[in-house]
Amino acid sequence: AIVSAFPIVYFLNHLGIQSRQSSFIVGVFFFYPLFLMFRTSQ
């Protein structure tokens, strides 16, 4: 997880995306994987 997070953090930091936008991107990016995990675990 630590290694996998690095390229996401790297590109968010180097693409010049503003804070609000990067937060929105992260939220959208992780919504579906977390939803799948919630559905599976429940």
All heavy atoms as atom14 arrays in JSON, in Angstrom:
{
  "sequence": "AIVSAFPIVYFLNHLGIQSRQSSFIVGVFFFYPLFLMFRTSQ",
  "atom14_mask": [
    [1, 1, 1, 1, 1, 0, 0, 0, 0, 0, 0, 0, 0, 0],
    [1, 1, 1, 1, 1, 1, 1, 1, 0, 0, 0, 0, 0, 0],
    [1, 1, 1, 1, 1, 1, 1, 0, 0, 0, 0, 0, 0, 0],
    [1, 1, 1, 1, 1, 1, 0, 0, 0, 0, 0, 0, 0, 0],
    [1, 1, 1, 1, 1, 0, 0, 0, 0, 0, 0, 0, 0, 0],
    [1, 1, 1, 1, 1, 1, 1, 1, 1, 1, 1, 0, 0, 0],
    [1, 1, 1, 1, 1, 1, 1, 0, 0, 0, 0, 0, 0, 0],
    [1, 1, 1, 1, 1, 1, 1, 1, 0, 0, 0, 0, 0, 0],
    [1, 1, 1, 1, 1, 1, 1, 0, 0, 0, 0, 0, 0, 0],
    [1, 1, 1, 1, 1, 1, 1, 1, 1, 1, 1, 1, 0, 0],
    [1, 1, 1, 1, 1, 1, 1, 1, 1, 1, 1, 0, 0, 0],
    [1, 1, 1, 1, 1, 1, 1, 1, 0, 0, 0, 0, 0, 0],
    [1, 1, 1, 1, 1, 1, 1, 1, 0, 0, 0, 0, 0, 0],
    [1, 1, 1, 1, 1, 1, 1, 1, 1, 1, 0, 0, 0, 0],
    [1, 1, 1, 1, 1, 1, 1, 1, 0, 0, 0, 0, 0, 0],
    [1, 1, 1, 1, 0, 0, 0, 0, 0, 0, 0, 0, 0, 0],
    [1, 1, 1, 1, 1, 1, 1, 1, 0, 0, 0, 0, 0, 0],
    [1, 1, 1, 1, 1, 1, 1, 1, 1, 0, 0, 0, 0, 0],
    [1, 1, 1, 1, 1, 1, 0, 0, 0, 0, 0, 0, 0, 0],
    [1, 1, 1, 1, 1, 1, 1, 1, 1, 1, 1, 0, 0, 0],
    [1, 1, 1, 1, 1, 1, 1, 1, 1, 0, 0, 0, 0, 0],
    [1, 1, 1, 1, 1, 1, 0, 0, 0, 0, 0, 0, 0, 0],
    [1, 1, 1, 1, 1, 1, 0, 0, 0, 0, 0, 0, 0, 0],
    [1, 1, 1, 1, 1, 1, 1, 1, 1, 1, 1, 0, 0, 0],
    [1, 1, 1, 1, 1, 1, 1, 1, 0, 0, 0, 0, 0, 0],
    [1, 1, 1, 1, 1, 1, 1, 0, 0, 0, 0, 0, 0, 0],
    [1, 1, 1, 1, 0, 0, 0, 0, 0, 0, 0, 0, 0, 0],
    [1, 1, 1, 1, 1, 1, 1, 0, 0, 0, 0, 0, 0, 0],
    [1, 1, 1, 1, 1, 1, 1, 1, 1, 1, 1, 0, 0, 0],
    [1, 1, 1, 1, 1, 1, 1, 1, 1, 1, 1, 0, 0, 0],
    [1, 1, 1, 1, 1, 1, 1, 1, 1, 1, 1, 0, 0, 0],
    [1, 1, 1, 1, 1, 1, 1, 1, 1, 1, 1, 1, 0, 0],
    [1, 1, 1, 1, 1, 1, 1, 0, 0, 0, 0, 0, 0, 0],
    [1, 1, 1, 1, 1, 1, 1, 1, 0, 0, 0, 0, 0, 0],
    [1, 1, 1, 1, 1, 1, 1, 1, 1, 1, 1, 0, 0, 0],
    [1, 1, 1, 1, 1, 1, 1, 1, 0, 0, 0, 0, 0, 0],
    [1, 1, 1, 1, 1, 1, 1, 1, 0, 0, 0, 0, 0, 0],
    [1, 1, 1, 1, 1, 1, 1, 1, 1, 1, 1, 0, 0, 0],
    [1, 1, 1, 1, 1, 1, 1, 1, 1, 1, 1, 0, 0, 0],
    [1, 1, 1, 1, 1, 1, 1, 0, 0, 0, 0, 0, 0, 0],
    [1, 1, 1, 1, 1, 1, 0, 0, 0, 0, 0, 0, 0, 0],
    [1, 1, 1, 1, 1, 1, 1, 1, 1, 0, 0, 0, 0, 0]
  ],
  "atom14_positions": [
    [[0.83, -1.21, 0.0], [0.0, 0.0, 0.0], [0.86, 1.26, 0.0], [0.54, 2.24, -0.68], [-0.93, -0.01, 1.21], [0.0, 0.0, 0.0], [0.0, 0.0, 0.0], [0.0, 0.0, 0.0], [0.0, 0.0, 0.0], [0.0, 0.0, 0.0], [0.0, 0.0, 0.0], [0.0, 0.0, 0.0], [0.0, 0.0, 0.0], [0.0, 0.0, 0.0]],
    [[1.96, 1.24, 0.77], [2.84, 2.42, 0.81], [3.46, 2.66, -0.56], [3.49, 3.81, -1.06], [3.94, 2.23, 1.86], [3.32, 2.17, 3.27], [4.94, 3.39, 1.8], [4.32, 1.83, 4.37], [0.0, 0.0, 0.0], [0.0, 0.0, 0.0], [0.0, 0.0, 0.0], [0.0, 0.0, 0.0], [0.0, 0.0, 0.0], [0.0, 0.0, 0.0]],
    [[3.94, 1.61, -1.2], [4.56, 1.76, -2.53], [3.51, 2.15, -3.56], [3.75, 3.01, -4.43], [5.28, 0.46, -2.94], [5.89, 0.6, -4.33], [6.36, 0.08, -1.92], [0.0, 0.0, 0.0], [0.0, 0.0, 0.0], [0.0, 0.0, 0.0], [0.0, 0.0, 0.0], [0.0, 0.0, 0.0], [0.0, 0.0, 0.0], [0.0, 0.0, 0.0]],
    [[2.33, 1.54, -3.48], [1.27, 1.81, -4.46], [0.75, 3.24, -4.37], [0.3, 3.8, -5.38], [0.11, 0.82, -4.26], [0.55, -0.51, -4.36], [0.0, 0.0, 0.0], [0.0, 0.0, 0.0], [0.0, 0.0, 0.0], [0.0, 0.0, 0.0], [0.0, 0.0, 0.0], [0.0, 0.0, 0.0], [0.0, 0.0, 0.0], [0.0, 0.0, 0.0]],
    [[0.78, 3.8, -3.17], [0.28, 5.17, -3.0], [1.23, 6.2, -3.59], [0.81, 7.31, -3.97], [0.08, 5.45, -1.5], [0.0, 0.0, 0.0], [0.0, 0.0, 0.0], [0.0, 0.0, 0.0], [0.0, 0.0, 0.0], [0.0, 0.0, 0.0], [0.0, 0.0, 0.0], [0.0, 0.0, 0.0], [0.0, 0.0, 0.0], [0.0, 0.0, 0.0]],
    [[2.5, 5.85, -3.71], [3.51, 6.82, -4.13], [3.24, 7.44, -5.5], [3.29, 8.68, -5.64], [4.9, 6.19, -4.08], [6.01, 7.09, -4.55], [6.16, 8.35, -4.0], [6.88, 6.69, -5.55], [7.18, 9.2, -4.44], [7.9, 7.52, -5.98], [8.04, 8.78, -5.43], [0.0, 0.0, 0.0], [0.0, 0.0, 0.0], [0.0, 0.0, 0.0]],
    [[2.94, 6.67, -6.55], [2.71, 7.32, -7.86], [1.48, 8.21, -7.86], [1.46, 9.24, -8.56], [2.54, 6.13, -8.82], [2.18, 4.97, -7.96], [2.87, 5.19, -6.66], [0.0, 0.0, 0.0], [0.0, 0.0, 0.0], [0.0, 0.0, 0.0], [0.0, 0.0, 0.0], [0.0, 0.0, 0.0], [0.0, 0.0, 0.0], [0.0, 0.0, 0.0]],
    [[0.45, 7.86, -7.07], [-0.74, 8.71, -7.0], [-0.39, 10.05, -6.35], [-0.73, 11.12, -6.86], [-1.87, 8.0, -6.2], [-2.23, 6.67, -6.86], [-3.1, 8.89, -6.11], [-3.21, 5.82, -6.07], [0.0, 0.0, 0.0], [0.0, 0.0, 0.0], [0.0, 0.0, 0.0], [0.0, 0.0, 0.0], [0.0, 0.0, 0.0], [0.0, 0.0, 0.0]],
    [[0.33, 9.98, -5.23], [0.77, 11.2, -4.55], [1.7, 12.02, -5.46], [1.56, 13.24, -5.55], [1.51, 10.84, -3.23], [2.08, 12.1, -2.57], [0.56, 10.13, -2.27], [0.0, 0.0, 0.0], [0.0, 0.0, 0.0], [0.0, 0.0, 0.0], [0.0, 0.0, 0.0], [0.0, 0.0, 0.0], [0.0, 0.0, 0.0], [0.0, 0.0, 0.0]],
    [[2.6, 11.34, -6.13], [3.58, 12.01, -7.0], [2.89, 12.81, -8.1], [3.2, 13.99, -8.33], [4.52, 10.96, -7.6], [5.58, 11.53, -8.49], [6.79, 11.99, -7.98], [5.38, 11.59, -9.87], [7.77, 12.52, -8.81], [6.35, 12.12, -10.72], [7.54, 12.58, -10.18], [8.5, 13.1, -11.01], [0.0, 0.0, 0.0], [0.0, 0.0, 0.0]],
    [[1.93, 12.18, -8.77], [1.28, 12.86, -9.89], [0.34, 13.97, -9.41], [0.23, 15.01, -10.06], [0.53, 11.86, -10.76], [1.45, 11.08, -11.65], [1.66, 9.73, -11.45], [2.13, 11.7, -12.69], [2.52, 9.01, -12.25], [3.0, 10.98, -13.5], [3.18, 9.63, -13.29], [0.0, 0.0, 0.0], [0.0, 0.0, 0.0], [0.0, 0.0, 0.0]],
    [[-0.31, 13.78, -8.27], [-1.14, 14.85, -7.72], [-0.28, 16.08, -7.39], [-0.71, 17.22, -7.57], [-1.88, 14.37, -6.48], [-3.07, 13.42, -6.7], [-3.61, 12.93, -5.37], [-4.17, 14.11, -7.5], [0.0, 0.0, 0.0], [0.0, 0.0, 0.0], [0.0, 0.0, 0.0], [0.0, 0.0, 0.0], [0.0, 0.0, 0.0], [0.0, 0.0, 0.0]],
    [[0.92, 15.82, -6.89], [1.82, 16.92, -6.51], [2.47, 17.61, -7.71], [2.85, 18.77, -7.63], [2.92, 16.42, -5.57], [2.37, 16.05, -4.2], [1.31, 16.51, -3.8], [3.1, 15.2, -3.48], [0.0, 0.0, 0.0], [0.0, 0.0, 0.0], [0.0, 0.0, 0.0], [0.0, 0.0, 0.0], [0.0, 0.0, 0.0], [0.0, 0.0, 0.0]],
    [[2.63, 16.88, -8.82], [3.38, 17.42, -9.96], [2.51, 17.85, -11.14], [3.04, 18.35, -12.14], [4.41, 16.39, -10.43], [5.57, 16.25, -9.51], [5.5, 15.54, -8.33], [6.84, 16.76, -9.57], [6.68, 15.6, -7.72], [7.5, 16.32, -8.43], [0.0, 0.0, 0.0], [0.0, 0.0, 0.0], [0.0, 0.0, 0.0], [0.0, 0.0, 0.0]],
    [[1.19, 17.66, -11.04], [0.32, 18.08, -12.14], [-0.24, 19.47, -11.93], [-1.04, 19.94, -12.75], [-0.81, 17.06, -12.32], [-0.39, 15.7, -12.89], [-1.59, 14.76, -12.96], [0.22, 15.87, -14.29], [0.0, 0.0, 0.0], [0.0, 0.0, 0.0], [0.0, 0.0, 0.0], [0.0, 0.0, 0.0], [0.0, 0.0, 0.0], [0.0, 0.0, 0.0]],
    [[0.13, 20.09, -10.81], [-0.34, 21.45, -10.55], [-1.8, 21.54, -10.22], [-2.44, 22.59, -10.43], [0.0, 0.0, 0.0], [0.0, 0.0, 0.0], [0.0, 0.0, 0.0], [0.0, 0.0, 0.0], [0.0, 0.0, 0.0], [0.0, 0.0, 0.0], [0.0, 0.0, 0.0], [0.0, 0.0, 0.0], [0.0, 0.0, 0.0], [0.0, 0.0, 0.0]],
    [[-2.38, 20.45, -9.72], [-3.8, 20.44, -9.36], [-3.98, 21.13, -8.02], [-3.23, 20.9, -7.07], [-4.33, 18.99, -9.29], [-4.15, 18.32, -10.66], [-5.79, 18.96, -8.88], [-4.52, 16.86, -10.66], [0.0, 0.0, 0.0], [0.0, 0.0, 0.0], [0.0, 0.0, 0.0], [0.0, 0.0, 0.0], [0.0, 0.0, 0.0], [0.0, 0.0, 0.0]],
    [[-5.0, 22.0, -7.93], [-5.25, 22.71, -6.68], [-5.77, 21.75, -5.61], [-6.24, 20.64, -5.9], [-6.28, 23.82, -6.92], [-5.77, 24.92, -7.85], [-6.82, 26.0, -8.05], [-7.92, 25.92, -7.53], [-6.45, 27.03, -8.8], [0.0, 0.0, 0.0], [0.0, 0.0, 0.0], [0.0, 0.0, 0.0], [0.0, 0.0, 0.0], [0.0, 0.0, 0.0]],
    [[-5.67, 22.2, -4.37], [-6.0, 21.34, -3.23], [-7.42, 20.78, -3.31], [-7.64, 19.59, -3.11], [-5.82, 22.12, -1.92], [-4.48, 22.49, -1.75], [0.0, 0.0, 0.0], [0.0, 0.0, 0.0], [0.0, 0.0, 0.0], [0.0, 0.0, 0.0], [0.0, 0.0, 0.0], [0.0, 0.0, 0.0], [0.0, 0.0, 0.0], [0.0, 0.0, 0.0]],
    [[-8.4, 21.65, -3.59], [-9.79, 21.18, -3.64], [-9.97, 20.15, -4.74], [-10.68, 19.15, -4.58], [-10.73, 22.35, -3.85], [-10.81, 23.3, -2.65], [-11.84, 24.38, -2.89], [-11.94, 25.28, -1.76], [-12.79, 26.29, -1.69], [-13.63, 26.53, -2.7], [-12.82, 27.08, -0.62], [0.0, 0.0, 0.0], [0.0, 0.0, 0.0], [0.0, 0.0, 0.0]],
    [[-9.35, 20.4, -5.87], [-9.49, 19.48, -7.0], [-8.84, 18.13, -6.69], [-9.41, 17.08, -7.01], [-8.85, 20.1, -8.25], [-9.6, 21.31, -8.78], [-8.85, 21.97, -9.92], [-7.62, 21.98, -9.95], [-9.6, 22.51, -10.88], [0.0, 0.0, 0.0], [0.0, 0.0, 0.0], [0.0, 0.0, 0.0], [0.0, 0.0, 0.0], [0.0, 0.0, 0.0]],
    [[-7.66, 18.16, -6.09], [-6.98, 16.9, -5.79], [-7.77, 16.1, -4.76], [-7.85, 14.87, -4.85], [-5.56, 17.17, -5.27], [-5.58, 17.87, -4.05], [0.0, 0.0, 0.0], [0.0, 0.0, 0.0], [0.0, 0.0, 0.0], [0.0, 0.0, 0.0], [0.0, 0.0, 0.0], [0.0, 0.0, 0.0], [0.0, 0.0, 0.0], [0.0, 0.0, 0.0]],
    [[-8.38, 16.79, -3.8], [-9.21, 16.1, -2.81], [-10.41, 15.45, -3.48], [-10.78, 14.31, -3.18], [-9.68, 17.07, -1.73], [-8.58, 17.62, -1.05], [0.0, 0.0, 0.0], [0.0, 0.0, 0.0], [0.0, 0.0, 0.0], [0.0, 0.0, 0.0], [0.0, 0.0, 0.0], [0.0, 0.0, 0.0], [0.0, 0.0, 0.0], [0.0, 0.0, 0.0]],
    [[-11.02, 16.17, -4.41], [-12.17, 15.63, -5.14], [-11.76, 14.41, -5.97], [-12.46, 13.39, -5.99], [-12.76, 16.71, -6.04], [-13.91, 16.22, -6.88], [-15.16, 16.03, -6.33], [-13.72, 15.95, -8.24], [-16.22, 15.57, -7.11], [-14.76, 15.5, -9.03], [-16.02, 15.31, -8.45], [0.0, 0.0, 0.0], [0.0, 0.0, 0.0], [0.0, 0.0, 0.0]],
    [[-10.6, 14.5, -6.64], [-10.11, 13.4, -7.46], [-9.87, 12.15, -6.61], [-10.26, 11.04, -6.97], [-8.82, 13.81, -8.21], [-9.14, 14.85, -9.27], [-8.14, 12.59, -8.84], [-7.91, 15.5, -9.88], [0.0, 0.0, 0.0], [0.0, 0.0, 0.0], [0.0, 0.0, 0.0], [0.0, 0.0, 0.0], [0.0, 0.0, 0.0], [0.0, 0.0, 0.0]],
    [[-9.24, 12.34, -5.46], [-8.98, 11.21, -4.56], [-10.29, 10.6, -4.09], [-10.45, 9.37, -4.05], [-8.12, 11.66, -3.36], [-8.05, 10.57, -2.3], [-6.71, 12.02, -3.82], [0.0, 0.0, 0.0], [0.0, 0.0, 0.0], [0.0, 0.0, 0.0], [0.0, 0.0, 0.0], [0.0, 0.0, 0.0], [0.0, 0.0, 0.0], [0.0, 0.0, 0.0]],
    [[-11.25, 11.44, -3.73], [-12.55, 10.93, -3.27], [-13.24, 10.1, -4.34], [-13.76, 9.01, -4.06], [0.0, 0.0, 0.0], [0.0, 0.0, 0.0], [0.0, 0.0, 0.0], [0.0, 0.0, 0.0], [0.0, 0.0, 0.0], [0.0, 0.0, 0.0], [0.0, 0.0, 0.0], [0.0, 0.0, 0.0], [0.0, 0.0, 0.0], [0.0, 0.0, 0.0]],
    [[-13.26, 10.6, -5.57], [-13.89, 9.87, -6.68], [-13.12, 8.59, -6.99], [-13.71, 7.53, -7.21], [-13.96, 10.77, -7.93], [-14.41, 9.96, -9.15], [-14.9, 11.94, -7.68], [0.0, 0.0, 0.0], [0.0, 0.0, 0.0], [0.0, 0.0, 0.0], [0.0, 0.0, 0.0], [0.0, 0.0, 0.0], [0.0, 0.0, 0.0], [0.0, 0.0, 0.0]],
    [[-11.79, 8.71, -6.98], [-10.93, 7.57, -7.33], [-11.14, 6.4, -6.38], [-11.14, 5.24, -6.81], [-9.47, 8.04, -7.29], [-8.49, 7.03, -7.78], [-8.37, 6.75, -9.14], [-7.67, 6.33, -6.9], [-7.46, 5.82, -9.61], [-6.75, 5.4, -7.36], [-6.65, 5.13, -8.71], [0.0, 0.0, 0.0], [0.0, 0.0, 0.0], [0.0, 0.0, 0.0]],
    [[-11.35, 6.68, -5.1], [-11.46, 5.61, -4.11], [-12.9, 5.2, -3.79], [-13.11, 4.21, -3.1], [-10.76, 6.0, -2.81], [-9.27, 5.82, -2.86], [-8.45, 6.9, -3.13], [-8.7, 4.58, -2.68], [-7.08, 6.75, -3.19], [-7.33, 4.41, -2.75], [-6.51, 5.49, -3.0], [0.0, 0.0, 0.0], [0.0, 0.0, 0.0], [0.0, 0.0, 0.0]],
    [[-13.86, 5.93, -4.31], [-15.24, 5.61, -3.97], [-15.62, 4.19, -4.39], [-16.15, 3.41, -3.6], [-16.21, 6.62, -4.61], [-17.65, 6.26, -4.38], [-18.27, 6.56, -3.18], [-18.4, 5.61, -5.36], [-19.6, 6.23, -2.95], [-19.72, 5.26, -5.15], [-20.33, 5.58, -3.94], [0.0, 0.0, 0.0], [0.0, 0.0, 0.0], [0.0, 0.0, 0.0]],
    [[-15.32, 3.86, -5.65], [-15.74, 2.54, -6.15], [-14.98, 1.39, -5.48], [-15.61, 0.41, -5.06], [-15.59, 2.48, -7.67], [-16.16, 1.22, -8.27], [-17.51, 0.91, -8.12], [-15.35, 0.32, -8.97], [-18.05, -0.24, -8.67], [-15.87, -0.83, -9.52], [-17.22, -1.12, -9.36], [-17.75, -2.26, -9.89], [0.0, 0.0, 0.0], [0.0, 0.0, 0.0]],
    [[-13.63, 1.45, -5.34], [-12.94, 0.36, -4.62], [-13.45, 0.17, -3.2], [-13.61, -0.97, -2.73], [-11.48, 0.8, -4.63], [-11.35, 1.71, -5.8], [-12.66, 2.41, -5.9], [0.0, 0.0, 0.0], [0.0, 0.0, 0.0], [0.0, 0.0, 0.0], [0.0, 0.0, 0.0], [0.0, 0.0, 0.0], [0.0, 0.0, 0.0], [0.0, 0.0, 0.0]],
    [[-13.72, 1.26, -2.49], [-14.23, 1.14, -1.12], [-15.65, 0.61, -1.11], [-16.03, -0.17, -0.22], [-14.16, 2.5, -0.41], [-12.75, 3.02, -0.11], [-12.82, 4.44, 0.43], [-12.03, 2.11, 0.88], [0.0, 0.0, 0.0], [0.0, 0.0, 0.0], [0.0, 0.0, 0.0], [0.0, 0.0, 0.0], [0.0, 0.0, 0.0], [0.0, 0.0, 0.0]],
    [[-16.45, 1.01, -2.1], [-17.8, 0.46, -2.2], [-17.77, -1.04, -2.45], [-18.54, -1.79, -1.84], [-18.56, 1.16, -3.34], [-19.87, 0.51, -3.68], [-20.97, 0.64, -2.85], [-19.99, -0.28, -4.82], [-22.17, 0.0, -3.16], [-21.18, -0.91, -5.14], [-22.28, -0.76, -4.31], [0.0, 0.0, 0.0], [0.0, 0.0, 0.0], [0.0, 0.0, 0.0]],
    [[-16.87, -1.48, -3.34], [-16.75, -2.92, -3.59], [-16.34, -3.66, -2.33], [-16.87, -4.75, -2.03], [-15.72, -3.17, -4.69], [-16.11, -2.81, -6.12], [-14.96, -3.13, -7.07], [-17.37, -3.57, -6.55], [0.0, 0.0, 0.0], [0.0, 0.0, 0.0], [0.0, 0.0, 0.0], [0.0, 0.0, 0.0], [0.0, 0.0, 0.0], [0.0, 0.0, 0.0]],
    [[-15.4, -3.09, -1.58], [-14.96, -3.74, -0.35], [-16.09, -3.78, 0.68], [-16.29, -4.79, 1.37], [-13.74, -3.03, 0.23], [-13.22, -3.65, 1.52], [-12.92, -5.44, 1.39], [-11.58, -5.43, 0.19], [0.0, 0.0, 0.0], [0.0, 0.0, 0.0], [0.0, 0.0, 0.0], [0.0, 0.0, 0.0], [0.0, 0.0, 0.0], [0.0, 0.0, 0.0]],
    [[-16.85, -2.7, 0.79], [-17.99, -2.68, 1.71], [-19.0, -3.75, 1.34], [-19.47, -4.5, 2.2], [-18.65, -1.3, 1.69], [-19.91, -1.23, 2.5], [-19.87, -1.17, 3.88], [-21.14, -1.24, 1.86], [-21.05, -1.12, 4.63], [-22.32, -1.18, 2.59], [-22.28, -1.12, 3.98], [0.0, 0.0, 0.0], [0.0, 0.0, 0.0], [0.0, 0.0, 0.0]],
    [[-19.31, -3.84, 0.06], [-20.28, -4.84, -0.39], [-19.8, -6.26, -0.11], [-20.55, -7.11, 0.37], [-20.56, -4.66, -1.89], [-21.69, -5.52, -2.41], [-21.97, -5.22, -3.86], [-20.85, -5.6, -4.72], [-20.83, -5.44, -6.04], [-21.88, -4.86, -6.64], [-19.79, -5.8, -6.76], [0.0, 0.0, 0.0], [0.0, 0.0, 0.0], [0.0, 0.0, 0.0]],
    [[-18.5, -6.5, -0.37], [-17.94, -7.83, -0.15], [-17.92, -8.18, 1.34], [-18.32, -9.28, 1.74], [-16.51, -7.9, -0.71], [-16.55, -7.63, -2.11], [-15.91, -9.28, -0.48], [0.0, 0.0, 0.0], [0.0, 0.0, 0.0], [0.0, 0.0, 0.0], [0.0, 0.0, 0.0], [0.0, 0.0, 0.0], [0.0, 0.0, 0.0], [0.0, 0.0, 0.0]],
    [[-17.46, -7.25, 2.16], [-17.34, -7.55, 3.59], [-18.71, -7.71, 4.24], [-18.85, -8.52, 5.17], [-16.55, -6.45, 4.29], [-17.25, -5.22, 4.3], [0.0, 0.0, 0.0], [0.0, 0.0, 0.0], [0.0, 0.0, 0.0], [0.0, 0.0, 0.0], [0.0, 0.0, 0.0], [0.0, 0.0, 0.0], [0.0, 0.0, 0.0], [0.0, 0.0, 0.0]],
    [[-19.71, -6.99, 3.77], [-21.04, -7.1, 4.39], [-21.84, -8.28, 3.85], [-22.7, -8.81, 4.56], [-21.82, -5.8, 4.18], [-21.16, -4.59, 4.82], [-20.77, -4.81, 6.26], [-21.64, -4.96, 7.12], [-19.48, -4.83, 6.56], [0.0, 0.0, 0.0], [0.0, 0.0, 0.0], [0.0, 0.0, 0.0], [0.0, 0.0, 0.0], [0.0, 0.0, 0.0]]
  ]
}
